[in-house]
């Protein structure tokens, strides 16, 4: 029977990684990978994570399952991180947390919940969006549609977005990026979030907020403005949270599906259904990453170290954005690429064409996704001049 199975092309980003490894160019630069890199090109284990792991190694007494909803200490810590420790939503017992295998696992939980509990409802995603959003919801059998987000001039198309949201059928789900929009880097302002809230409430839409980069934009609380605004002003909200980036625990698969309901009784109903969705999907989430995060967030000294480390990472990325634009100045390209300094998070939608991206790879050993998305964290003070010169060559 397997003779009928066709081979499909490999993942584009994984292919980039392999091509980069094989490239003999001593000046090669990897701007394609989706993880944080320090000034030396490494993805280090954070100091707070190391200390938390040492404590767990010393004190852990079992490797038993942690249940479909995961570690309660982790769930509570993430709820407070995302919604705020003093959130009225938490005070009213309107929110539930289900630990998941990464943010991707949380998104699949959301997709399966929509398919089983909201039959016939579609989901609207930004154009562009993280490519795996499309795969996850397609695999779950949820109808996908798109709303505009970036215009032809490579700028945030907020009015186009808002106009599209106003046409979405009542009860459909709209996926919003909380911050550090992937792949564009263009985030909504507080005023724009207010307008989105008005439309979502008027059209009776269900927001699903993907929160994969908390702390990488403008700060832990600042980045949570949109999700908190929706949670405190709407009866029903879904939020997928990931600790992969802000705790650097990528391979530990540490995510969370947050469900917010009208009241505590409705929340318990939703929570019971989410347990079934998780059970049928992967049964129990991996425990280690959640235990590490819980250990950090429940210990003020460790949490302080973690926040300082995260601030260093964020400041480095934002500084690289400004320095990158400055490096383009000698070539007369600083105004053309000024938007890069305004974007947030690890990624930048550069506006480079697939052909220009190919030239960067083939002629200069600079690797990025063919959509023009670049990982700013792959830059350094050492390679900035080289990258700027190469971009000037391909756009000139």
Protein backbone atom coordinates (compact mmCIF):
# COMPACT_ATOMS: atom_id res chain seq x y z
CA UNK A 1 0.00 0.00 0.00
CA UNK A 2 2.86 2.40 0.70
CA UNK A 3 3.87 2.37 -2.98
CA UNK A 4 1.13 4.95 -3.62
CA UNK A 5 2.56 7.44 -1.15
CA UNK A 6 4.27 10.44 -2.73
CA UNK A 7 7.25 12.28 -1.29
CA UNK A 8 6.54 15.88 -0.31
CA UNK A 9 9.06 18.72 -0.26
CA UNK A 10 10.88 19.19 3.03
CA UNK A 11 10.18 22.07 5.40
CA UNK A 12 11.61 25.26 3.90
CA UNK A 13 13.19 26.52 7.12
CA UNK A 14 14.71 23.13 7.96
CA UNK A 15 16.09 23.07 4.43
CA UNK A 16 17.67 26.47 5.04
CA UNK A 17 19.37 25.16 8.16
CA UNK A 18 20.91 22.26 6.25
CA UNK A 19 22.01 24.48 3.36
CA UNK A 20 23.59 26.94 5.79
CA UNK A 21 25.55 24.17 7.51
CA UNK A 22 26.98 23.00 4.18
CA UNK A 23 27.88 26.49 2.90
CA UNK A 24 31.70 26.95 2.99
CA UNK A 25 31.47 30.78 2.90
CA UNK A 26 33.35 32.01 6.02
CA UNK A 27 31.15 35.12 6.13
CA UNK A 28 27.84 33.27 5.95
CA UNK A 29 24.97 34.61 8.08
CA UNK A 30 21.86 32.72 9.22
CA UNK A 31 18.81 35.01 9.35
CA UNK A 32 16.32 32.22 8.76
CA UNK A 33 16.17 30.16 11.94
CA UNK A 34 13.30 30.89 14.34
CA UNK A 35 15.19 30.97 17.65
CA UNK A 36 16.96 33.67 19.63
CA UNK A 37 20.70 34.01 19.04
CA UNK A 38 23.14 35.92 21.24
CA UNK A 39 26.05 38.04 19.99
CA UNK A 40 28.10 34.86 19.48
CA UNK A 41 25.42 33.12 17.44
CA UNK A 42 24.41 30.77 20.25
CA UNK A 43 21.02 29.97 21.79
CA UNK A 44 22.10 29.81 25.43
CA UNK A 45 20.36 28.25 28.41
CA UNK A 46 19.23 31.14 30.61
CA UNK A 47 20.79 31.44 34.06
CA UNK A 48 17.40 31.31 35.79
CA UNK A 49 16.55 28.14 33.87
CA UNK A 50 19.84 26.51 34.88
CA UNK A 51 19.20 27.26 38.55
CA UNK A 52 15.59 26.03 38.38
CA UNK A 53 16.72 22.80 36.73
CA UNK A 54 19.33 22.24 39.44
CA UNK A 55 16.64 22.57 42.09
CA UNK A 56 14.33 20.19 40.25
CA UNK A 57 17.09 17.61 39.85
CA UNK A 58 17.71 17.72 43.59
CA UNK A 59 14.09 17.69 44.74
CA UNK A 60 12.15 15.76 42.08
CA UNK A 61 10.63 12.56 43.45
CA UNK A 62 8.58 11.15 40.55
CA UNK A 63 8.26 10.89 36.79
CA UNK A 64 4.56 10.09 36.89
CA UNK A 65 2.00 11.70 34.59
CA UNK A 66 0.85 15.22 35.43
CA UNK A 67 -2.70 14.96 34.06
CA UNK A 68 -4.36 16.29 30.91
CA UNK A 69 -4.41 19.89 32.18
CA UNK A 70 -0.78 19.67 33.28
CA UNK A 71 0.98 21.06 36.34
CA UNK A 72 -1.40 23.36 38.32
CA UNK A 73 1.55 25.48 39.52
CA UNK A 74 2.59 26.06 35.94
CA UNK A 75 -0.95 26.83 34.83
CA UNK A 76 -1.44 29.41 37.59
CA UNK A 77 1.95 31.00 36.89
CA UNK A 78 1.16 31.38 33.18
CA UNK A 79 -2.31 32.76 33.88
CA UNK A 80 -0.79 35.46 36.08
CA UNK A 81 2.00 36.16 33.59
CA UNK A 82 -0.40 36.54 30.67
CA UNK A 83 -3.43 38.14 32.34
CA UNK A 84 -1.71 39.89 35.27
CA UNK A 85 -1.60 38.77 38.90
CA UNK A 86 -4.37 41.25 39.82
CA UNK A 87 -6.53 40.47 36.80
CA UNK A 88 -10.28 40.78 37.41
CA UNK A 89 -10.66 37.79 35.07
CA UNK A 90 -8.71 35.63 37.51
CA UNK A 91 -10.52 37.10 40.50
CA UNK A 92 -13.83 36.08 38.92
CA UNK A 93 -12.54 32.55 38.18
CA UNK A 94 -13.27 33.00 34.48
CA UNK A 95 -9.98 31.59 33.13
CA UNK A 96 -8.65 28.07 32.75
CA UNK A 97 -5.14 26.91 31.80
CA UNK A 98 -4.26 23.67 30.01
CA UNK A 99 -0.54 22.93 29.70
CA UNK A 100 0.41 21.91 26.18
CA UNK A 101 3.39 20.65 24.16
CA UNK A 102 4.57 24.10 23.15
CA UNK A 103 2.62 26.94 21.60
CA UNK A 104 2.02 24.72 18.58
CA UNK A 105 0.32 22.15 20.82
CA UNK A 106 -1.86 24.89 22.30
CA UNK A 107 -2.88 25.99 18.82
CA UNK A 108 -3.82 22.43 17.93
CA UNK A 109 -5.93 22.23 21.10
CA UNK A 110 -7.67 25.42 20.02
CA UNK A 111 -8.23 24.05 16.52
CA UNK A 112 -9.66 20.76 17.78
CA UNK A 113 -11.88 22.61 20.27
CA UNK A 114 -13.24 24.84 17.51
CA UNK A 115 -13.89 21.84 15.28
CA UNK A 116 -15.69 19.81 17.96
CA UNK A 117 -17.49 22.50 19.95
CA UNK A 118 -18.10 25.22 17.36
CA UNK A 119 -19.10 23.22 14.27
CA UNK A 120 -19.27 25.20 11.05
CA UNK A 121 -17.23 28.11 12.38
CA UNK A 122 -14.20 29.20 10.39
CA UNK A 123 -11.02 30.92 11.49
CA UNK A 124 -9.55 34.09 10.01
CA UNK A 125 -5.79 34.61 10.06
CA UNK A 126 -3.67 37.59 9.06
CA UNK A 127 -2.07 37.77 5.63
CA UNK A 128 0.78 37.08 6.17
CA UNK A 129 0.89 34.87 9.23
CA UNK A 130 3.11 32.16 10.69
CA UNK A 131 2.90 29.41 8.01
CA UNK A 132 2.21 26.68 10.57
CA UNK A 133 -1.05 28.40 11.52
CA UNK A 134 -2.35 27.31 8.13
CA UNK A 135 -1.16 23.74 8.55
CA UNK A 136 -2.52 23.33 12.07
CA UNK A 137 -6.05 24.49 11.32
CA UNK A 138 -6.16 22.71 7.98
CA UNK A 139 -5.15 19.46 9.68
CA UNK A 140 -7.94 19.91 12.23
CA UNK A 141 -10.50 20.45 9.48
CA UNK A 142 -11.27 24.07 10.36
CA UNK A 143 -12.05 26.33 7.40
CA UNK A 144 -9.37 29.00 6.93
CA UNK A 145 -9.78 32.51 5.58
CA UNK A 146 -7.46 35.53 5.58
CA UNK A 147 -7.67 39.21 6.44
CA UNK A 148 -5.11 41.77 5.16
CA UNK A 149 -2.32 42.85 7.49
CA UNK A 150 0.63 44.12 5.41
CA UNK A 151 0.11 46.33 2.33
CA UNK A 152 2.00 46.45 -0.96
CA UNK A 153 4.40 49.05 0.47
CA UNK A 154 5.36 46.69 3.31
CA UNK A 155 3.51 48.66 5.97
CA UNK A 156 0.83 47.66 8.47
CA UNK A 157 -2.52 47.78 6.68
CA UNK A 158 -4.65 48.44 9.74
CA UNK A 159 -7.60 50.00 7.92
CA UNK A 160 -7.69 47.06 5.53
CA UNK A 161 -7.57 44.69 8.49
CA UNK A 162 -10.37 46.50 10.30
CA UNK A 163 -12.54 46.63 7.19
CA UNK A 164 -12.14 42.87 6.71
CA UNK A 165 -12.95 42.13 10.37
CA UNK A 166 -16.18 44.08 9.98
CA UNK A 167 -17.26 41.64 7.25
CA UNK A 168 -16.54 38.41 9.14
CA UNK A 169 -19.65 36.31 9.86
CA UNK A 170 -20.91 36.38 13.43
CA UNK A 171 -19.42 33.67 15.61
CA UNK A 172 -16.34 33.02 13.48
CA UNK A 173 -12.91 32.94 15.11
CA UNK A 174 -10.29 35.59 14.40
CA UNK A 175 -6.64 34.79 15.14
CA UNK A 176 -4.68 37.80 16.41
CA UNK A 177 -0.97 38.07 17.20
CA UNK A 178 -0.54 39.54 20.69
CA UNK A 179 2.83 41.10 19.88
CA UNK A 180 5.94 40.62 17.73
CA UNK A 181 3.83 39.64 14.73
CA UNK A 182 5.34 36.67 12.92
CA UNK A 183 6.52 37.16 10.20
CA UNK A 184 6.05 40.92 9.75
CA UNK A 185 7.16 42.41 13.07
CA UNK A 186 4.38 45.01 12.78
CA UNK A 187 2.37 45.30 16.01
CA UNK A 188 -0.90 47.04 16.82
CA UNK A 189 -0.83 50.20 18.94
CA UNK A 190 -3.01 50.49 22.04
CA UNK A 191 -5.45 52.67 20.11
CA UNK A 192 -5.64 50.07 17.35
CA UNK A 193 -6.29 47.30 19.89
CA UNK A 194 -9.19 49.37 21.21
CA UNK A 195 -10.68 49.58 17.73
CA UNK A 196 -10.20 45.83 17.21
CA UNK A 197 -12.03 45.21 20.50
CA UNK A 198 -14.96 47.34 19.31
CA UNK A 199 -15.29 45.43 16.04
CA UNK A 200 -14.90 42.00 17.67
CA UNK A 201 -17.56 42.87 20.22
CA UNK A 202 -19.91 44.38 17.64
CA UNK A 203 -19.55 41.44 15.23
CA UNK A 204 -19.70 38.88 18.09
CA UNK A 205 -16.46 37.23 16.97
CA UNK A 206 -14.37 34.85 19.06
CA UNK A 207 -10.75 36.05 19.35
CA UNK A 208 -7.92 33.53 19.48
CA UNK A 209 -4.77 35.37 20.52
CA UNK A 210 -1.42 33.77 19.72
CA UNK A 211 1.03 34.95 22.40
CA UNK A 212 4.36 33.36 21.48
CA UNK A 213 6.73 36.24 22.23
CA UNK A 214 5.70 37.85 25.51
CA UNK A 215 8.52 40.10 26.68
CA UNK A 216 10.26 40.40 23.31
CA UNK A 217 8.37 43.49 22.13
CA UNK A 218 8.20 46.31 24.68
CA UNK A 219 8.09 44.35 27.95
CA UNK A 220 6.12 41.62 29.70
CA UNK A 221 3.17 43.80 30.68
CA UNK A 222 3.26 46.10 27.65
CA UNK A 223 3.16 43.11 25.29
CA UNK A 224 0.13 41.73 27.15
CA UNK A 225 -1.98 44.85 26.58
CA UNK A 226 -4.05 43.38 23.75
CA UNK A 227 -4.83 40.00 25.33
CA UNK A 228 -5.69 41.62 28.66
CA UNK A 229 -7.91 44.22 27.00
CA UNK A 230 -9.90 41.52 25.22
CA UNK A 231 -10.05 39.24 28.27
CA UNK A 232 -11.39 41.98 30.52
CA UNK A 233 -13.97 43.30 28.06
CA UNK A 234 -15.31 40.20 26.29
CA UNK A 235 -17.16 37.16 27.59
CA UNK A 236 -15.12 34.63 25.62
CA UNK A 237 -11.46 34.67 24.57
CA UNK A 238 -8.91 31.98 23.69
CA UNK A 239 -5.18 32.61 24.22
CA UNK A 240 -2.29 30.34 23.26
CA UNK A 241 0.88 31.03 25.22
CA UNK A 242 4.42 29.77 24.63
CA UNK A 243 7.45 29.79 26.93
CA UNK A 244 9.82 28.64 24.19
CA UNK A 245 11.26 32.05 23.41
CA UNK A 246 11.00 34.05 26.63
CA UNK A 247 12.39 31.21 28.76
CA UNK A 248 14.57 29.71 26.03
CA UNK A 249 13.11 26.23 26.60
CA UNK A 250 12.42 25.50 22.93
CA UNK A 251 13.04 21.75 22.99
CA UNK A 252 11.09 21.25 26.25
CA UNK A 253 7.80 22.04 24.45
CA UNK A 254 6.24 24.31 27.06
CA UNK A 255 2.98 25.98 26.11
CA UNK A 256 -0.45 26.73 27.51
CA UNK A 257 -4.02 26.95 26.22
CA UNK A 258 -5.93 29.63 28.13
CA UNK A 259 -9.72 29.63 27.88
CA UNK A 260 -11.74 32.57 29.17
CA UNK A 261 -15.49 32.19 29.65
CA UNK A 262 -18.38 34.40 30.75
CA UNK A 263 -18.46 33.10 34.32
CA UNK A 264 -16.98 30.38 36.52
CA UNK A 265 -19.69 27.83 35.70
CA UNK A 266 -19.21 28.24 31.96
CA UNK A 267 -15.46 28.09 32.50
CA UNK A 268 -15.76 24.69 34.19
CA UNK A 269 -17.82 23.43 31.25
CA UNK A 270 -15.18 24.60 28.79
CA UNK A 271 -12.40 23.19 30.96
CA UNK A 272 -14.02 19.75 30.99
CA UNK A 273 -14.17 19.74 27.19
CA UNK A 274 -10.55 20.90 26.92
CA UNK A 275 -9.45 17.93 29.03
CA UNK A 276 -11.07 15.61 26.48
CA UNK A 277 -9.42 17.44 23.58
CA UNK A 278 -6.02 17.12 25.25
CA UNK A 279 -6.61 13.47 26.17
CA UNK A 280 -7.49 12.55 22.59
CA UNK A 281 -4.57 14.54 21.20
CA UNK A 282 -1.52 13.64 23.31
CA UNK A 283 -3.02 12.56 26.67
CA UNK A 284 -0.51 14.33 28.96
CA UNK A 285 1.93 17.18 28.25
CA UNK A 286 5.68 16.88 28.90
CA UNK A 287 6.42 17.97 32.46
CA UNK A 288 9.97 19.29 32.63
CA UNK A 289 9.60 22.65 30.88
CA UNK A 290 6.49 23.55 32.83
CA UNK A 291 8.18 22.61 36.10
CA UNK A 292 11.12 24.86 35.24
CA UNK A 293 8.87 27.82 34.41
CA UNK A 294 6.78 27.28 37.56
CA UNK A 295 9.93 27.12 39.71
CA UNK A 296 11.12 30.43 38.29
CA UNK A 297 7.84 32.33 38.46
CA UNK A 298 6.99 31.15 41.98
CA UNK A 299 10.38 32.30 43.32
CA UNK A 300 10.82 36.09 43.33
CA UNK A 301 14.61 35.96 43.32
CA UNK A 302 14.69 33.61 40.33
CA UNK A 303 11.94 35.57 38.59
CA UNK A 304 13.98 38.75 38.98
CA UNK A 305 17.01 37.11 37.35
CA UNK A 306 14.79 35.83 34.53
CA UNK A 307 13.23 39.25 33.91
CA UNK A 308 16.68 40.82 33.75
CA UNK A 309 17.85 38.22 31.24
CA UNK A 310 14.75 38.73 29.12
CA UNK A 311 15.26 42.49 29.18
CA UNK A 312 18.83 42.01 27.94
CA UNK A 313 17.57 39.87 25.05
CA UNK A 314 14.86 42.36 24.11
CA UNK A 315 17.19 45.35 24.30
CA UNK A 316 19.74 43.57 22.14
CA UNK A 317 17.20 42.86 19.41
CA UNK A 318 15.76 46.39 19.44
CA UNK A 319 19.30 47.79 19.37
CA UNK A 320 20.17 45.61 16.38
CA UNK A 321 17.14 46.96 14.55
CA UNK A 322 18.33 50.53 14.99
CA UNK A 323 21.92 49.63 14.14
CA UNK A 324 20.82 47.78 11.01
CA UNK A 325 19.01 50.83 9.65
CA UNK A 326 22.06 52.95 10.50
CA UNK A 327 24.33 50.49 8.66
CA UNK A 328 22.24 50.99 5.52
CA UNK A 329 22.69 54.77 5.66
CA UNK A 330 25.93 54.93 3.60
CA UNK A 331 24.04 53.23 0.77
CA UNK A 332 21.10 55.64 0.89
CA UNK A 333 18.76 52.90 2.07
CA UNK A 334 18.09 54.01 5.66
CA UNK A 335 14.78 55.69 4.82
CA UNK A 336 13.63 52.80 2.64
CA UNK A 337 14.21 50.35 5.51
CA UNK A 338 13.36 52.70 8.40
CA UNK A 339 10.38 50.50 9.29
CA UNK A 340 12.75 47.81 10.54
CA UNK A 341 13.54 49.95 13.59
CA UNK A 342 9.82 50.32 14.28
CA UNK A 343 9.02 46.60 14.14
CA UNK A 344 9.11 44.43 17.24
CA UNK A 345 10.29 40.94 18.09
CA UNK A 346 12.82 38.67 16.47
CA UNK A 347 11.41 38.84 12.96
CA UNK A 348 11.33 41.49 10.27
CA UNK A 349 9.41 41.49 7.04
CA UNK A 350 12.15 43.11 4.96
CA UNK A 351 10.19 43.60 1.76
CA UNK A 352 12.90 41.79 -0.22
CA UNK A 353 11.63 39.73 -3.15
CA UNK A 354 12.23 35.97 -3.44
CA UNK A 355 14.73 36.69 -6.20
CA UNK A 356 16.64 39.13 -3.99
CA UNK A 357 16.64 36.60 -1.15
CA UNK A 358 18.04 33.99 -3.53
CA UNK A 359 20.86 36.36 -4.53
CA UNK A 360 21.71 37.03 -0.90
CA UNK A 361 22.05 33.29 -0.35
CA UNK A 362 23.87 32.40 -3.56
CA UNK A 363 26.23 35.37 -3.80
CA UNK A 364 26.80 36.33 -0.17
CA UNK A 365 25.90 33.30 1.97
CA UNK A 366 23.13 35.21 3.76
CA UNK A 367 20.17 32.96 4.49
CA UNK A 368 16.58 34.01 5.13
CA UNK A 369 13.10 32.74 4.26
CA UNK A 370 12.11 33.46 0.63
CA UNK A 371 9.16 35.53 1.85
CA UNK A 372 11.73 38.10 2.97
CA UNK A 373 11.35 37.34 6.67
CA UNK A 374 14.62 37.81 8.54
CA UNK A 375 15.50 36.87 12.11
CA UNK A 376 17.05 40.07 13.48
CA UNK A 377 18.63 38.09 16.32
CA UNK A 378 20.90 36.48 13.72
CA UNK A 379 22.64 39.83 13.23
CA UNK A 380 25.66 40.96 15.23
CA UNK A 381 27.91 44.01 15.35
CA UNK A 382 30.46 41.95 13.41
CA UNK A 383 28.22 40.93 10.50
CA UNK A 384 26.03 44.06 10.24
CA UNK A 385 28.32 45.88 7.76
CA UNK A 386 28.55 42.78 5.57
CA UNK A 387 24.78 42.21 5.56
CA UNK A 388 24.08 45.89 4.82
CA UNK A 389 26.52 45.88 1.90
CA UNK A 390 24.98 42.70 0.51
CA UNK A 391 21.44 44.07 0.72
CA UNK A 392 22.56 47.25 -1.02
CA UNK A 393 23.99 45.10 -3.80
CA UNK A 394 20.82 43.10 -4.41
CA UNK A 395 18.35 46.00 -4.19
CA UNK A 396 20.49 48.40 -6.20
